[in-house]
């Protein structure tokens, strides 16, 4: 197995490798989607994402999003999390990055990049399942939440041209989704009214606040302010 992994690493080194001998951190950037294969007897309701931005050849910024919970037997027991703590991870080995409390270990053993399960992903494996996180998109790319082929506004083109702004756009999209689902699951007779008000507020933010920004330098502060507002609507975690 070690021989196979070394062979694969050497094979991709000219295209995505750094002087460390493994993939440069920039080649690991992107949106990673998690899935659990439990077979036909057990359903899996959890959707996992890792938004990963390279801050340098050996440093990653990681945003984790989890919607739902592993539910053996098909019980719909939902939980929402948008984790931003311990976001910066530094390379500690060829395919391992570690923060103060958690780590990501990448694998090339299957012929393409994957993230190996961590301690928070054990629920799938304890049921005899196979858990993987596979990146969407091409090596070294990072896409925003919208289709760049249809980008017309200067702001949209600036976002598409910048991995950092694309990362922020994905983060905003997830923060909005988390807040919307949080309101939608409230046991409250006024829930539908709250949802309409929430969506109307987002439309107003888009048509007024965001529409006033048509240059790359104003995207980040506007996005970060809105993300902070949306995350303040999240339950304590």
C-alpha atoms as a PDB file:
ATOM      1  CA  UNK A   1       0.000   0.000   0.000  1.00  0.00           C
ATOM      2  CA  UNK A   2       2.812   2.418   0.872  1.00  0.00           C
ATOM      3  CA  UNK A   3       4.490   1.681  -2.461  1.00  0.00           C
ATOM      4  CA  UNK A   4       1.243   2.373  -4.327  1.00  0.00           C
ATOM      5  CA  UNK A   5       0.665   5.654  -2.466  1.00  0.00           C
ATOM      6  CA  UNK A   6       4.230   6.804  -3.137  1.00  0.00           C
ATOM      7  CA  UNK A   7       3.860   5.956  -6.823  1.00  0.00           C
ATOM      8  CA  UNK A   8       0.647   7.984  -7.061  1.00  0.00           C
ATOM      9  CA  UNK A   9       2.183  10.931  -5.249  1.00  0.00           C
ATOM     10  CA  UNK A  10       5.120  10.987  -7.606  1.00  0.00           C
ATOM     11  CA  UNK A  11       2.780  10.727 -10.571  1.00  0.00           C
ATOM     12  CA  UNK A  12       0.879  13.892  -9.643  1.00  0.00           C
ATOM     13  CA  UNK A  13       3.854  15.816  -8.260  1.00  0.00           C
ATOM     14  CA  UNK A  14       4.798  17.558 -11.548  1.00  0.00           C
ATOM     15  CA  UNK A  15       1.260  18.906 -11.955  1.00  0.00           C
ATOM     16  CA  UNK A  16       0.203  19.754  -8.433  1.00  0.00           C
ATOM     17  CA  UNK A  17       3.196  19.020  -6.251  1.00  0.00           C
ATOM     18  CA  UNK A  18       5.153  21.389  -4.022  1.00  0.00           C
ATOM     19  CA  UNK A  19       8.701  21.142  -2.757  1.00  0.00           C
ATOM     20  CA  UNK A  20       7.348  19.104   0.161  1.00  0.00           C
ATOM     21  CA  UNK A  21       6.896  16.146  -2.199  1.00  0.00           C
ATOM     22  CA  UNK A  22       3.101  16.084  -1.844  1.00  0.00           C
ATOM     23  CA  UNK A  23       0.292  18.129  -3.371  1.00  0.00           C
ATOM     24  CA  UNK A  24       0.604  21.856  -2.870  1.00  0.00           C
ATOM     25  CA  UNK A  25      -2.125  23.109  -0.550  1.00  0.00           C
ATOM     26  CA  UNK A  26      -3.553  25.153  -3.426  1.00  0.00           C
ATOM     27  CA  UNK A  27      -4.397  21.916  -5.241  1.00  0.00           C
ATOM     28  CA  UNK A  28      -6.552  20.838  -2.280  1.00  0.00           C
ATOM     29  CA  UNK A  29      -8.780  23.930  -2.378  1.00  0.00           C
ATOM     30  CA  UNK A  30     -12.414  23.527  -3.291  1.00  0.00           C
ATOM     31  CA  UNK A  31     -15.732  22.228  -2.046  1.00  0.00           C
ATOM     32  CA  UNK A  32     -15.634  18.686  -0.699  1.00  0.00           C
ATOM     33  CA  UNK A  33     -18.843  16.653  -0.445  1.00  0.00           C
ATOM     34  CA  UNK A  34     -19.243  13.852   2.082  1.00  0.00           C
ATOM     35  CA  UNK A  35     -21.254  10.707   1.631  1.00  0.00           C
ATOM     36  CA  UNK A  36     -21.850   7.512   3.552  1.00  0.00           C
ATOM     37  CA  UNK A  37     -22.499   4.190   1.840  1.00  0.00           C
ATOM     38  CA  UNK A  38     -24.387   1.949   4.260  1.00  0.00           C
ATOM     39  CA  UNK A  39     -26.009  -0.303   1.695  1.00  0.00           C
ATOM     40  CA  UNK A  40     -29.737  -0.832   1.396  1.00  0.00           C
ATOM     41  CA  UNK A  41     -30.675  -1.468   5.031  1.00  0.00           C
ATOM     42  CA  UNK A  42     -29.774   1.893   6.556  1.00  0.00           C
ATOM     43  CA  UNK A  43     -30.504   5.367   5.250  1.00  0.00           C
ATOM     44  CA  UNK A  44     -28.111   8.256   5.631  1.00  0.00           C
ATOM     45  CA  UNK A  45     -29.486  11.745   6.186  1.00  0.00           C
ATOM     46  CA  UNK A  46     -26.308  13.671   6.780  1.00  0.00           C
ATOM     47  CA  UNK A  47     -24.818  15.947   4.149  1.00  0.00           C
ATOM     48  CA  UNK A  48     -21.275  17.066   4.796  1.00  0.00           C
ATOM     49  CA  UNK A  49     -19.198  19.715   3.099  1.00  0.00           C
ATOM     50  CA  UNK A  50     -15.737  21.091   3.627  1.00  0.00           C
ATOM     51  CA  UNK A  51     -14.966  24.432   2.013  1.00  0.00           C
ATOM     52  CA  UNK A  52     -11.194  24.576   1.778  1.00  0.00           C
ATOM     53  CA  UNK A  53      -9.128  27.591   0.796  1.00  0.00           C
ATOM     54  CA  UNK A  54      -5.342  27.499   0.531  1.00  0.00           C
ATOM     55  CA  UNK A  55      -3.681  30.324   2.460  1.00  0.00           C
ATOM     56  CA  UNK A  56      -0.267  29.236   1.229  1.00  0.00           C
ATOM     57  CA  UNK A  57       1.532  26.081   0.047  1.00  0.00           C
ATOM     58  CA  UNK A  58       1.263  24.493   3.507  1.00  0.00           C
ATOM     59  CA  UNK A  59      -1.749  26.183   5.138  1.00  0.00           C
ATOM     60  CA  UNK A  60      -5.481  25.631   4.654  1.00  0.00           C
ATOM     61  CA  UNK A  61      -8.582  27.483   5.812  1.00  0.00           C
ATOM     62  CA  UNK A  62     -11.410  25.021   6.372  1.00  0.00           C
ATOM     63  CA  UNK A  63     -15.121  25.693   6.777  1.00  0.00           C
ATOM     64  CA  UNK A  64     -17.266  22.709   7.723  1.00  0.00           C
ATOM     65  CA  UNK A  65     -20.996  22.420   7.108  1.00  0.00           C
ATOM     66  CA  UNK A  66     -23.164  19.546   8.330  1.00  0.00           C
ATOM     67  CA  UNK A  67     -26.905  19.305   7.654  1.00  0.00           C
ATOM     68  CA  UNK A  68     -28.758  16.518   9.392  1.00  0.00           C
ATOM     69  CA  UNK A  69     -27.436  13.652  11.468  1.00  0.00           C
ATOM     70  CA  UNK A  70     -26.565  10.008  10.904  1.00  0.00           C
ATOM     71  CA  UNK A  71     -29.875   8.254  11.463  1.00  0.00           C
ATOM     72  CA  UNK A  72     -29.855   4.434  11.500  1.00  0.00           C
ATOM     73  CA  UNK A  73     -33.299   3.060  10.741  1.00  0.00           C
ATOM     74  CA  UNK A  74     -34.337   6.132   8.809  1.00  0.00           C
ATOM     75  CA  UNK A  75     -35.301   8.342  11.750  1.00  0.00           C
ATOM     76  CA  UNK A  76     -35.245  11.979  10.660  1.00  0.00           C
ATOM     77  CA  UNK A  77     -33.355  13.557  13.536  1.00  0.00           C
ATOM     78  CA  UNK A  78     -31.952  16.746  12.015  1.00  0.00           C
ATOM     79  CA  UNK A  79     -29.245  18.995  13.325  1.00  0.00           C
ATOM     80  CA  UNK A  80     -27.609  21.985  11.655  1.00  0.00           C
ATOM     81  CA  UNK A  81     -24.028  23.029  12.127  1.00  0.00           C
ATOM     82  CA  UNK A  82     -21.803  25.546  10.423  1.00  0.00           C
ATOM     83  CA  UNK A  83     -18.421  25.197  12.072  1.00  0.00           C
ATOM     84  CA  UNK A  84     -15.823  27.915  11.713  1.00  0.00           C
ATOM     85  CA  UNK A  85     -13.702  27.308  14.805  1.00  0.00           C
ATOM     86  CA  UNK A  86     -10.182  25.974  14.394  1.00  0.00           C
ATOM     87  CA  UNK A  87     -10.409  26.996  10.750  1.00  0.00           C
ATOM     88  CA  UNK A  88      -6.685  27.375   9.946  1.00  0.00           C
ATOM     89  CA  UNK A  89      -4.760  24.140   9.524  1.00  0.00           C
ATOM     90  CA  UNK A  90      -1.061  23.740   8.797  1.00  0.00           C
ATOM     91  CA  UNK A  91       0.710  20.855   7.130  1.00  0.00           C
ATOM     92  CA  UNK A  92       2.223  18.407   9.619  1.00  0.00           C
ATOM     93  CA  UNK A  93       2.922  15.606   7.144  1.00  0.00           C
ATOM     94  CA  UNK A  94       2.798  15.093   3.402  1.00  0.00           C
ATOM     95  CA  UNK A  95      -0.996  14.659   3.286  1.00  0.00           C
ATOM     96  CA  UNK A  96      -1.980  15.762   6.803  1.00  0.00           C
ATOM     97  CA  UNK A  97      -3.015  19.224   8.006  1.00  0.00           C
ATOM     98  CA  UNK A  98      -3.699  19.979  11.653  1.00  0.00           C
ATOM     99  CA  UNK A  99      -5.303  22.805  13.635  1.00  0.00           C
ATOM    100  CA  UNK A 100      -5.376  23.233  17.378  1.00  0.00           C
ATOM    101  CA  UNK A 101      -8.229  20.746  17.869  1.00  0.00           C
ATOM    102  CA  UNK A 102      -8.730  18.815  14.645  1.00  0.00           C
ATOM    103  CA  UNK A 103      -6.943  17.494  11.582  1.00  0.00           C
ATOM    104  CA  UNK A 104      -7.570  16.634   7.947  1.00  0.00           C
ATOM    105  CA  UNK A 105      -5.816  13.717   6.333  1.00  0.00           C
ATOM    106  CA  UNK A 106      -5.967  13.418   2.564  1.00  0.00           C
ATOM    107  CA  UNK A 107      -5.572  10.213   0.590  1.00  0.00           C
ATOM    108  CA  UNK A 108      -4.496   9.337  -2.939  1.00  0.00           C
ATOM    109  CA  UNK A 109      -4.790   5.591  -2.493  1.00  0.00           C
ATOM    110  CA  UNK A 110      -7.861   5.302  -4.746  1.00  0.00           C
ATOM    111  CA  UNK A 111      -6.206   7.231  -7.546  1.00  0.00           C
ATOM    112  CA  UNK A 112      -7.794  10.561  -6.742  1.00  0.00           C
ATOM    113  CA  UNK A 113      -7.825  12.913  -3.785  1.00  0.00           C
ATOM    114  CA  UNK A 114     -10.139  12.144  -0.875  1.00  0.00           C
ATOM    115  CA  UNK A 115     -10.318  13.207   2.759  1.00  0.00           C
ATOM    116  CA  UNK A 116     -10.091  10.293   5.152  1.00  0.00           C
ATOM    117  CA  UNK A 117     -12.722  10.043   7.907  1.00  0.00           C
ATOM    118  CA  UNK A 118     -11.907  11.907  11.094  1.00  0.00           C
ATOM    119  CA  UNK A 119     -13.167  11.374  14.624  1.00  0.00           C
ATOM    120  CA  UNK A 120     -16.382  13.276  13.849  1.00  0.00           C
ATOM    121  CA  UNK A 121     -17.193  10.957  10.939  1.00  0.00           C
ATOM    122  CA  UNK A 122     -17.145   7.666  12.856  1.00  0.00           C
ATOM    123  CA  UNK A 123     -20.937   7.225  13.021  1.00  0.00           C
ATOM    124  CA  UNK A 124     -20.995   5.944   9.467  1.00  0.00           C
ATOM    125  CA  UNK A 125     -18.180   3.466  10.000  1.00  0.00           C
ATOM    126  CA  UNK A 126     -19.636   2.114  13.243  1.00  0.00           C
ATOM    127  CA  UNK A 127     -22.626   0.996  11.181  1.00  0.00           C
ATOM    128  CA  UNK A 128     -20.336  -0.812   8.773  1.00  0.00           C
ATOM    129  CA  UNK A 129     -20.455   1.958   6.192  1.00  0.00           C
ATOM    130  CA  UNK A 130     -17.844   3.577   3.997  1.00  0.00           C
ATOM    131  CA  UNK A 131     -17.472   7.339   4.447  1.00  0.00           C
ATOM    132  CA  UNK A 132     -15.661   9.542   1.946  1.00  0.00           C
ATOM    133  CA  UNK A 133     -15.284  13.229   1.182  1.00  0.00           C
ATOM    134  CA  UNK A 134     -14.656  13.819  -2.503  1.00  0.00           C
ATOM    135  CA  UNK A 135     -13.920  17.175  -4.055  1.00  0.00           C
ATOM    136  CA  UNK A 136     -16.185  18.741  -6.627  1.00  0.00           C
ATOM    137  CA  UNK A 137     -14.515  20.328  -9.634  1.00  0.00           C
ATOM    138  CA  UNK A 138     -11.037  20.272 -11.085  1.00  0.00           C
ATOM    139  CA  UNK A 139      -7.726  20.222  -9.247  1.00  0.00           C
ATOM    140  CA  UNK A 140      -6.726  23.651  -8.008  1.00  0.00           C
ATOM    141  CA  UNK A 141     -10.037  25.365  -8.753  1.00  0.00           C
ATOM    142  CA  UNK A 142     -12.531  26.964  -6.413  1.00  0.00           C
ATOM    143  CA  UNK A 143     -15.943  27.911  -7.690  1.00  0.00           C
ATOM    144  CA  UNK A 144     -18.496  30.270  -6.142  1.00  0.00           C
ATOM    145  CA  UNK A 145     -22.114  29.287  -5.513  1.00  0.00           C
ATOM    146  CA  UNK A 146     -23.263  30.613  -8.914  1.00  0.00           C
ATOM    147  CA  UNK A 147     -22.403  29.704 -12.496  1.00  0.00           C
ATOM    148  CA  UNK A 148     -19.438  31.809 -13.623  1.00  0.00           C
ATOM    149  CA  UNK A 149     -20.334  31.168 -17.270  1.00  0.00           C
ATOM    150  CA  UNK A 150     -23.341  33.445 -16.702  1.00  0.00           C
ATOM    151  CA  UNK A 151     -21.515  36.119 -14.708  1.00  0.00           C
ATOM    152  CA  UNK A 152     -22.323  39.569 -16.107  1.00  0.00           C
ATOM    153  CA  UNK A 153     -21.875  42.042 -13.263  1.00  0.00           C
ATOM    154  CA  UNK A 154     -18.332  43.328 -12.576  1.00  0.00           C
ATOM    155  CA  UNK A 155     -18.778  42.081  -9.025  1.00  0.00           C
ATOM    156  CA  UNK A 156     -19.632  38.578 -10.229  1.00  0.00           C
ATOM    157  CA  UNK A 157     -16.649  38.481 -12.567  1.00  0.00           C
ATOM    158  CA  UNK A 158     -14.394  39.636  -9.743  1.00  0.00           C
ATOM    159  CA  UNK A 159     -15.683  36.838  -7.521  1.00  0.00           C
ATOM    160  CA  UNK A 160     -15.132  34.242 -10.229  1.00  0.00           C
ATOM    161  CA  UNK A 161     -11.561  35.451 -10.725  1.00  0.00           C
ATOM    162  CA  UNK A 162     -10.655  35.203  -7.030  1.00  0.00           C
ATOM    163  CA  UNK A 163     -10.417  31.981  -4.972  1.00  0.00           C
ATOM    164  CA  UNK A 164     -10.731  34.067  -1.795  1.00  0.00           C
ATOM    165  CA  UNK A 165     -13.951  35.770  -2.931  1.00  0.00           C
ATOM    166  CA  UNK A 166     -15.325  32.498  -4.301  1.00  0.00           C
ATOM    167  CA  UNK A 167     -14.721  30.989  -0.867  1.00  0.00           C
ATOM    168  CA  UNK A 168     -16.629  33.865   0.745  1.00  0.00           C
ATOM    169  CA  UNK A 169     -19.482  33.430  -1.721  1.00  0.00           C
ATOM    170  CA  UNK A 170     -19.786  29.744  -0.846  1.00  0.00           C
ATOM    171  CA  UNK A 171     -19.627  30.605   2.842  1.00  0.00           C
ATOM    172  CA  UNK A 172     -22.394  33.173   2.467  1.00  0.00           C
ATOM    173  CA  UNK A 173     -24.521  30.651   0.592  1.00  0.00           C
ATOM    174  CA  UNK A 174     -24.154  28.081   3.372  1.00  0.00           C
ATOM    175  CA  UNK A 175     -24.755  30.639   6.122  1.00  0.00           C
ATOM    176  CA  UNK A 176     -27.991  31.648   4.400  1.00  0.00           C
ATOM    177  CA  UNK A 177     -29.042  28.012   3.975  1.00  0.00           C
ATOM    178  CA  UNK A 178     -28.319  27.250   7.635  1.00  0.00           C
ATOM    179  CA  UNK A 179     -30.313  30.234   8.877  1.00  0.00           C
ATOM    180  CA  UNK A 180     -33.222  29.426   6.558  1.00  0.00           C
ATOM    181  CA  UNK A 181     -33.385  25.805   7.704  1.00  0.00           C
ATOM    182  CA  UNK A 182     -33.085  26.868  11.319  1.00  0.00           C
ATOM    183  CA  UNK A 183     -36.154  29.090  11.007  1.00  0.00           C
ATOM    184  CA  UNK A 184     -38.003  26.450   8.990  1.00  0.00           C
ATOM    185  CA  UNK A 185     -37.627  23.860  11.738  1.00  0.00           C
ATOM    186  CA  UNK A 186     -38.837  26.097  14.556  1.00  0.00           C
ATOM    187  CA  UNK A 187     -41.923  24.802  16.338  1.00  0.00           C
ATOM    188  CA  UNK A 188     -43.751  28.070  15.998  1.00  0.00           C
ATOM    189  CA  UNK A 189     -47.106  29.012  14.467  1.00  0.00           C
ATOM    190  CA  UNK A 190     -45.424  32.131  13.033  1.00  0.00           C
ATOM    191  CA  UNK A 191     -42.739  30.074  11.286  1.00  0.00           C
ATOM    192  CA  UNK A 192     -44.018  30.705   7.753  1.00  0.00           C
ATOM    193  CA  UNK A 193     -44.262  34.435   8.400  1.00  0.00           C
ATOM    194  CA  UNK A 194     -40.706  34.445   9.749  1.00  0.00           C
ATOM    195  CA  UNK A 195     -39.487  32.605   6.659  1.00  0.00           C
ATOM    196  CA  UNK A 196     -41.140  35.124   4.334  1.00  0.00           C
ATOM    197  CA  UNK A 197     -39.627  37.999   6.284  1.00  0.00           C
ATOM    198  CA  UNK A 198     -36.212  36.345   6.290  1.00  0.00           C
ATOM    199  CA  UNK A 199     -36.224  35.744   2.531  1.00  0.00           C
ATOM    200  CA  UNK A 200     -37.497  39.266   1.883  1.00  0.00           C
ATOM    201  CA  UNK A 201     -34.645  40.653   3.990  1.00  0.00           C
ATOM    202  CA  UNK A 202     -32.147  38.659   1.925  1.00  0.00           C
ATOM    203  CA  UNK A 203     -33.680  39.930  -1.313  1.00  0.00           C
ATOM    204  CA  UNK A 204     -33.451  43.494  -0.018  1.00  0.00           C
ATOM    205  CA  UNK A 205     -29.810  42.969   0.995  1.00  0.00           C
ATOM    206  CA  UNK A 206     -29.063  41.652  -2.468  1.00  0.00           C
ATOM    207  CA  UNK A 207     -30.907  44.378  -4.395  1.00  0.00           C
ATOM    208  CA  UNK A 208     -29.639  47.298  -2.312  1.00  0.00           C
ATOM    209  CA  UNK A 209     -26.500  46.549  -0.299  1.00  0.00           C
ATOM    210  CA  UNK A 210     -24.840  44.060  -2.622  1.00  0.00           C
ATOM    211  CA  UNK A 211     -25.967  45.780  -5.813  1.00  0.00           C
ATOM    212  CA  UNK A 212     -24.096  48.887  -4.683  1.00  0.00           C
ATOM    213  CA  UNK A 213     -20.838  46.914  -4.870  1.00  0.00           C
ATOM    214  CA  UNK A 214     -19.412  46.487  -8.350  1.00  0.00           C
ATOM    215  CA  UNK A 215     -15.696  46.142  -7.609  1.00  0.00           C
ATOM    216  CA  UNK A 216     -13.554  43.461  -6.027  1.00  0.00           C
ATOM    217  CA  UNK A 217     -12.455  45.592  -3.065  1.00  0.00           C
ATOM    218  CA  UNK A 218     -15.983  46.036  -1.662  1.00  0.00           C
ATOM    219  CA  UNK A 219     -17.093  42.401  -1.931  1.00  0.00           C
ATOM    220  CA  UNK A 220     -15.233  41.077   1.093  1.00  0.00           C
ATOM    221  CA  UNK A 221     -16.463  43.582   3.731  1.00  0.00           C
ATOM    222  CA  UNK A 222     -20.062  43.412   2.484  1.00  0.00           C
ATOM    223  CA  UNK A 223     -20.041  39.613   2.400  1.00  0.00           C
ATOM    224  CA  UNK A 224     -18.395  39.281   5.809  1.00  0.00           C
ATOM    225  CA  UNK A 225     -20.899  41.640   7.425  1.00  0.00           C
ATOM    226  CA  UNK A 226     -23.830  39.662   5.999  1.00  0.00           C
ATOM    227  CA  UNK A 227     -22.280  36.327   6.984  1.00  0.00           C
ATOM    228  CA  UNK A 228     -21.932  37.607  10.551  1.00  0.00           C
ATOM    229  CA  UNK A 229     -25.607  38.600  10.581  1.00  0.00           C
ATOM    230  CA  UNK A 230     -26.722  35.226   9.224  1.00  0.00           C
ATOM    231  CA  UNK A 231     -24.563  33.229  11.594  1.00  0.00           C
ATOM    232  CA  UNK A 232     -25.972  35.172  14.549  1.00  0.00           C
ATOM    233  CA  UNK A 233     -29.308  33.531  13.683  1.00  0.00           C
ATOM    234  CA  UNK A 234     -27.813  30.075  14.197  1.00  0.00           C
ATOM    235  CA  UNK A 235     -28.475  28.062  17.367  1.00  0.00           C
ATOM    236  CA  UNK A 236     -25.680  27.912  19.916  1.00  0.00           C
ATOM    237  CA  UNK A 237     -23.209  25.115  19.245  1.00  0.00           C
END
